[in-house]
Amino acid sequence: MNSIREDFAVFVHDGDKQLGAVRHVGSHEIRVYIENAGDFTVPLSAVKEVVDDKVVLDCGKLDADLRKAIGHAHFGEDPRIP
């Protein structure tokens, strides 16, 4: 996980839309900003993969508050705009 850097895009393993961005990288966790919800601490054990400046999270390893925030990350967006 040494390849994770601040400002990398954040996704979940079964999603195709960016949810937010990495704000800080620690030795055992990362802090991510989730759109419409703010910052969350994510253990590195919940990172499924890192590829092409993207961090992919495993939803099954995230706490309930973060999963709820992810579910609301794109509220308020116009679905007609790709």
N, C-alpha and C. Protein backbone atom coordinates (compact mmCIF):
# COMPACT_ATOMS: atom_id res chain seq x y z
N MET A 1 0.80 -1.20 0.00
CA MET A 1 0.00 0.00 0.00
C MET A 1 0.85 1.26 0.00
N ASN A 2 2.14 1.08 -0.11
CA ASN A 2 3.03 2.24 -0.15
C ASN A 2 2.77 3.12 -1.36
N SER A 3 2.05 2.59 -2.34
CA SER A 3 1.81 3.35 -3.57
C SER A 3 0.66 4.34 -3.45
N ILE A 4 -0.08 4.34 -2.35
CA ILE A 4 -1.19 5.27 -2.17
C ILE A 4 -0.63 6.66 -1.90
N ARG A 5 -1.19 7.64 -2.58
CA ARG A 5 -0.76 9.03 -2.42
C ARG A 5 -1.98 9.92 -2.18
N GLU A 6 -1.73 11.06 -1.56
CA GLU A 6 -2.80 12.04 -1.38
C GLU A 6 -3.34 12.45 -2.75
N ASP A 7 -4.62 12.73 -2.79
CA ASP A 7 -5.36 13.14 -3.99
C ASP A 7 -5.71 12.00 -4.93
N PHE A 8 -5.33 10.76 -4.62
CA PHE A 8 -5.79 9.64 -5.44
C PHE A 8 -7.31 9.57 -5.35
N ALA A 9 -7.96 9.20 -6.43
CA ALA A 9 -9.41 9.02 -6.46
C ALA A 9 -9.79 7.78 -5.66
N VAL A 10 -10.98 7.81 -5.04
CA VAL A 10 -11.46 6.70 -4.23
C VAL A 10 -12.73 6.13 -4.85
N PHE A 11 -12.77 4.80 -4.97
CA PHE A 11 -13.90 4.06 -5.52
C PHE A 11 -14.21 2.90 -4.58
N VAL A 12 -15.37 2.25 -4.77
CA VAL A 12 -15.63 0.98 -4.11
C VAL A 12 -15.50 -0.11 -5.16
N HIS A 13 -15.31 -1.34 -4.72
CA HIS A 13 -14.98 -2.43 -5.63
C HIS A 13 -16.04 -2.70 -6.68
N ASP A 14 -17.28 -2.35 -6.44
CA ASP A 14 -18.32 -2.63 -7.42
C ASP A 14 -18.90 -1.36 -8.04
N GLY A 15 -18.20 -0.25 -7.90
CA GLY A 15 -18.71 1.01 -8.43
C GLY A 15 -17.82 1.57 -9.51
N ASP A 16 -18.41 2.39 -10.36
CA ASP A 16 -17.64 3.00 -11.43
C ASP A 16 -17.52 4.50 -11.28
N LYS A 17 -18.17 5.08 -10.25
CA LYS A 17 -18.10 6.51 -10.02
C LYS A 17 -17.15 6.82 -8.86
N GLN A 18 -16.36 7.87 -9.05
CA GLN A 18 -15.47 8.30 -7.98
C GLN A 18 -16.31 8.82 -6.82
N LEU A 19 -15.95 8.38 -5.61
CA LEU A 19 -16.68 8.78 -4.40
C LEU A 19 -16.02 9.93 -3.68
N GLY A 20 -14.72 10.09 -3.88
CA GLY A 20 -13.98 11.10 -3.16
C GLY A 20 -12.51 11.00 -3.46
N ALA A 21 -11.69 11.42 -2.48
CA ALA A 21 -10.24 11.44 -2.70
C ALA A 21 -9.50 11.18 -1.39
N VAL A 22 -8.29 10.67 -1.53
CA VAL A 22 -7.42 10.45 -0.37
C VAL A 22 -6.91 11.79 0.12
N ARG A 23 -7.07 12.05 1.43
CA ARG A 23 -6.60 13.30 2.04
C ARG A 23 -5.26 13.12 2.75
N HIS A 24 -5.06 11.92 3.34
CA HIS A 24 -3.84 11.67 4.12
C HIS A 24 -3.55 10.18 4.10
N VAL A 25 -2.27 9.84 4.08
CA VAL A 25 -1.86 8.44 4.12
C VAL A 25 -1.06 8.21 5.40
N GLY A 26 -1.54 7.30 6.25
CA GLY A 26 -0.85 6.95 7.47
C GLY A 26 -0.24 5.56 7.35
N SER A 27 0.37 5.09 8.41
CA SER A 27 1.03 3.78 8.37
C SER A 27 0.04 2.62 8.42
N HIS A 28 -1.16 2.83 8.99
CA HIS A 28 -2.14 1.75 9.10
C HIS A 28 -3.49 2.12 8.53
N GLU A 29 -3.64 3.38 8.11
CA GLU A 29 -4.94 3.82 7.59
C GLU A 29 -4.74 4.98 6.63
N ILE A 30 -5.82 5.26 5.90
CA ILE A 30 -5.85 6.45 5.07
C ILE A 30 -7.06 7.27 5.49
N ARG A 31 -6.98 8.57 5.28
CA ARG A 31 -8.15 9.43 5.53
C ARG A 31 -8.65 9.83 4.15
N VAL A 32 -9.94 9.59 3.92
CA VAL A 32 -10.53 9.91 2.63
C VAL A 32 -11.67 10.91 2.81
N TYR A 33 -11.80 11.78 1.83
CA TYR A 33 -12.93 12.70 1.78
C TYR A 33 -13.98 12.04 0.90
N ILE A 34 -15.19 11.89 1.42
CA ILE A 34 -16.31 11.35 0.67
C ILE A 34 -17.24 12.51 0.33
N GLU A 35 -17.58 12.64 -0.94
CA GLU A 35 -18.45 13.73 -1.37
C GLU A 35 -19.73 13.76 -0.55
N ASN A 36 -20.14 14.94 -0.16
CA ASN A 36 -21.37 15.19 0.61
C ASN A 36 -21.33 14.65 2.03
N ALA A 37 -20.17 14.18 2.52
CA ALA A 37 -20.13 13.59 3.86
C ALA A 37 -18.92 14.01 4.69
N GLY A 38 -17.81 14.33 4.06
CA GLY A 38 -16.63 14.72 4.81
C GLY A 38 -15.55 13.66 4.86
N ASP A 39 -14.67 13.78 5.86
CA ASP A 39 -13.51 12.90 5.99
C ASP A 39 -13.81 11.67 6.83
N PHE A 40 -13.23 10.54 6.43
CA PHE A 40 -13.37 9.27 7.14
C PHE A 40 -12.01 8.59 7.18
N THR A 41 -11.75 7.89 8.27
CA THR A 41 -10.54 7.09 8.40
C THR A 41 -10.86 5.67 7.94
N VAL A 42 -10.02 5.15 7.06
CA VAL A 42 -10.22 3.83 6.48
C VAL A 42 -8.98 2.99 6.76
N PRO A 43 -9.14 1.83 7.39
CA PRO A 43 -7.97 0.97 7.63
C PRO A 43 -7.42 0.44 6.30
N LEU A 44 -6.11 0.29 6.23
CA LEU A 44 -5.51 -0.23 4.99
C LEU A 44 -6.04 -1.62 4.65
N SER A 45 -6.51 -2.35 5.65
CA SER A 45 -7.07 -3.68 5.38
C SER A 45 -8.35 -3.61 4.53
N ALA A 46 -8.97 -2.43 4.44
CA ALA A 46 -10.19 -2.26 3.63
C ALA A 46 -9.88 -1.81 2.21
N VAL A 47 -8.59 -1.62 1.89
CA VAL A 47 -8.20 -1.25 0.53
C VAL A 47 -8.05 -2.52 -0.28
N LYS A 48 -8.85 -2.64 -1.32
CA LYS A 48 -8.81 -3.84 -2.15
C LYS A 48 -7.66 -3.80 -3.14
N GLU A 49 -7.49 -2.63 -3.78
CA GLU A 49 -6.38 -2.49 -4.73
C GLU A 49 -6.08 -1.02 -4.98
N VAL A 50 -4.90 -0.79 -5.52
CA VAL A 50 -4.47 0.55 -5.91
C VAL A 50 -3.95 0.42 -7.33
N VAL A 51 -4.58 1.16 -8.24
CA VAL A 51 -4.19 1.06 -9.64
C VAL A 51 -4.49 2.39 -10.35
N ASP A 52 -3.54 2.83 -11.16
CA ASP A 52 -3.73 4.05 -11.96
C ASP A 52 -4.21 5.24 -11.14
N ASP A 53 -3.56 5.52 -10.03
CA ASP A 53 -3.91 6.64 -9.15
C ASP A 53 -5.31 6.55 -8.58
N LYS A 54 -5.81 5.32 -8.44
CA LYS A 54 -7.14 5.08 -7.88
C LYS A 54 -7.02 4.10 -6.72
N VAL A 55 -7.76 4.38 -5.65
CA VAL A 55 -7.84 3.48 -4.50
C VAL A 55 -9.22 2.84 -4.53
N VAL A 56 -9.24 1.52 -4.54
CA VAL A 56 -10.50 0.78 -4.58
C VAL A 56 -10.73 0.15 -3.21
N LEU A 57 -11.87 0.49 -2.59
CA LEU A 57 -12.19 -0.01 -1.26
C LEU A 57 -13.10 -1.23 -1.33
N ASP A 58 -12.97 -2.11 -0.37
CA ASP A 58 -13.84 -3.27 -0.23
C ASP A 58 -14.96 -2.89 0.73
N CYS A 59 -16.16 -2.71 0.20
CA CYS A 59 -17.30 -2.24 1.02
C CYS A 59 -17.56 -3.15 2.21
N GLY A 60 -17.33 -4.42 2.08
CA GLY A 60 -17.58 -5.36 3.16
C GLY A 60 -16.68 -5.15 4.37
N LYS A 61 -15.62 -4.39 4.20
CA LYS A 61 -14.69 -4.15 5.30
C LYS A 61 -14.79 -2.73 5.86
N LEU A 62 -15.81 -1.99 5.44
CA LEU A 62 -15.99 -0.61 5.89
C LEU A 62 -17.04 -0.54 6.98
N ASP A 63 -16.92 0.44 7.87
CA ASP A 63 -17.91 0.57 8.94
C ASP A 63 -19.22 1.13 8.38
N ALA A 64 -20.28 1.01 9.17
CA ALA A 64 -21.62 1.38 8.72
C ALA A 64 -21.73 2.85 8.35
N ASP A 65 -21.10 3.74 9.11
CA ASP A 65 -21.18 5.17 8.81
C ASP A 65 -20.56 5.49 7.45
N LEU A 66 -19.44 4.86 7.16
CA LEU A 66 -18.79 5.11 5.88
C LEU A 66 -19.61 4.52 4.74
N ARG A 67 -20.16 3.34 4.92
CA ARG A 67 -21.02 2.75 3.87
C ARG A 67 -22.22 3.64 3.59
N LYS A 68 -22.80 4.20 4.65
CA LYS A 68 -23.93 5.11 4.48
C LYS A 68 -23.51 6.35 3.70
N ALA A 69 -22.35 6.91 4.04
CA ALA A 69 -21.84 8.10 3.33
C ALA A 69 -21.60 7.79 1.86
N ILE A 70 -21.07 6.61 1.58
CA ILE A 70 -20.82 6.21 0.20
C ILE A 70 -22.15 6.13 -0.56
N GLY A 71 -23.17 5.63 0.09
CA GLY A 71 -24.49 5.53 -0.54
C GLY A 71 -25.10 6.87 -0.89
N HIS A 72 -24.64 7.92 -0.23
CA HIS A 72 -25.17 9.27 -0.46
C HIS A 72 -24.18 10.19 -1.18
N ALA A 73 -23.08 9.65 -1.64
CA ALA A 73 -22.00 10.47 -2.20
C ALA A 73 -22.42 11.29 -3.41
N HIS A 74 -23.36 10.82 -4.17
CA HIS A 74 -23.74 11.52 -5.40
C HIS A 74 -25.14 12.09 -5.35
N PHE A 75 -25.73 12.19 -4.16
CA PHE A 75 -27.04 12.82 -4.04
C PHE A 75 -26.95 14.26 -4.51
N GLY A 76 -27.97 14.71 -5.16
CA GLY A 76 -28.00 16.09 -5.62
C GLY A 76 -27.42 16.30 -6.99
N GLU A 77 -26.81 15.26 -7.56
CA GLU A 77 -26.27 15.39 -8.91
C GLU A 77 -27.37 15.18 -9.93
N ASP A 78 -27.24 15.82 -11.05
CA ASP A 78 -28.18 15.64 -12.15
C ASP A 78 -27.83 14.35 -12.88
N PRO A 79 -28.70 13.33 -12.86
CA PRO A 79 -28.37 12.04 -13.48
C PRO A 79 -28.23 12.11 -14.99
N ARG A 80 -28.66 13.19 -15.59
CA ARG A 80 -28.55 13.33 -17.06
C ARG A 80 -27.15 13.77 -17.48
N ILE A 81 -26.35 14.19 -16.48
CA ILE A 81 -24.99 14.63 -16.80
C ILE A 81 -24.03 13.50 -16.47
N PRO A 82 -23.30 13.02 -17.49
CA PRO A 82 -22.38 11.88 -17.25
C PRO A 82 -21.18 12.26 -16.42
